[in-house]
Amino acid sequence: MGFVMKNIGISVNPHLGKNTAVTDLLTKVKKKYDFNFYCQAKSENFLPEFVCVIDDIDKFNKKLDIIWVFGGDGTILHSIDFSLKTDAPVLGINLGRLGFLADTDMSEFEKSLNLLINKKYRIQSRMLLKASLKREGKLIYSACALNDAVIYKGTVPHLIKIKVYDNKRFVLETRCDGIIASTPTGSTAYNLSAGGPILSPVTEAFVVSPLNPHLLSVRPLVFPASINLAFLVHEIVEEAILQLDGRNVFKLKDKDELFVKSDSRKVNFVKLNNKNFFQILRKKMHMGKS
């Protein structure tokens, strides 16, 4: 699968302010290749004037060939909606600390651009999860996530009780600080910190990892992506929190139900031919180095 780069979306981390290195790089690339650059309004103040602003992404009718995301993993996660609405694959250019989702950085960008121009890359599709929250049987919130959906007890030093179901079949009940439902992409994020397994990013599966469970026998579980997961929350002293991809999105109440399934859409990432998943694991996670 290939594309001709002409129309390029740009996404940046707004918390970094106007980054001179990014501005200089885009100016240099614009002069050399005359690409058309587009950004969402939230990035406008941090980019050169030649970058066109998309006022309403839902009415944007140009075909973007690729989205360059300058930032860390958080910036990439926050750019997923941009990718889904334009059907453009994402290339992460790391400006953060770890940058596990990024395939290149500023020091390697020129070499990476040459690989793109010479079509030395592949497109890798990543599954999304869809999280739906019900209260007293009524749907009150629904959204997708690339990494994970997390139920967390909040600031109160008190465990909550969570029941887990697989296609309406009871799986387990645990008292814990919370629980993570992770995609393969998210398996190297919060799930990994909670002791969950690493999955290859092209695996079609969920990992469910309890946070600090009261019983030692409660361990992370792997489920096929074809099933529907349900989490019933009990014994909330104060409002607990639902997080999607690291953002607090909703406050939970006792007996709320969270449903998680595979979203019908996928996010496409541009992966350069000079790298693979396990190389990145060894380099950035220091996994299995002899």
Foldseek 3Di string as FASTA:
>chain_A
DADAAAEEEEFEDPVVAQDPLVQVVVVVCCVVPVHAYEYEPSCVRRYDPSHHYDDDLQPDDDAHAAYEYEEAPLRVQVCQVVCVSRVYAYAYAYPDDQRLVHQHHSVCVVVVVVLRNVVQWDKDWFWKKKKWKDDPRHTDDIDIARFKKKWFLPDDPFWKKKWKDKQNHTDDIWTARIKIKTGLVNCPPVVVVLVHDHDFRNAQWIKMAGHGTPDPPDGIDIGGLQIKMKMFIADRPDWIFIDGSRHTDDTDDHGMMMIMHIDPDIHMHIHGNVDDSVVSCCVRVVPPDD
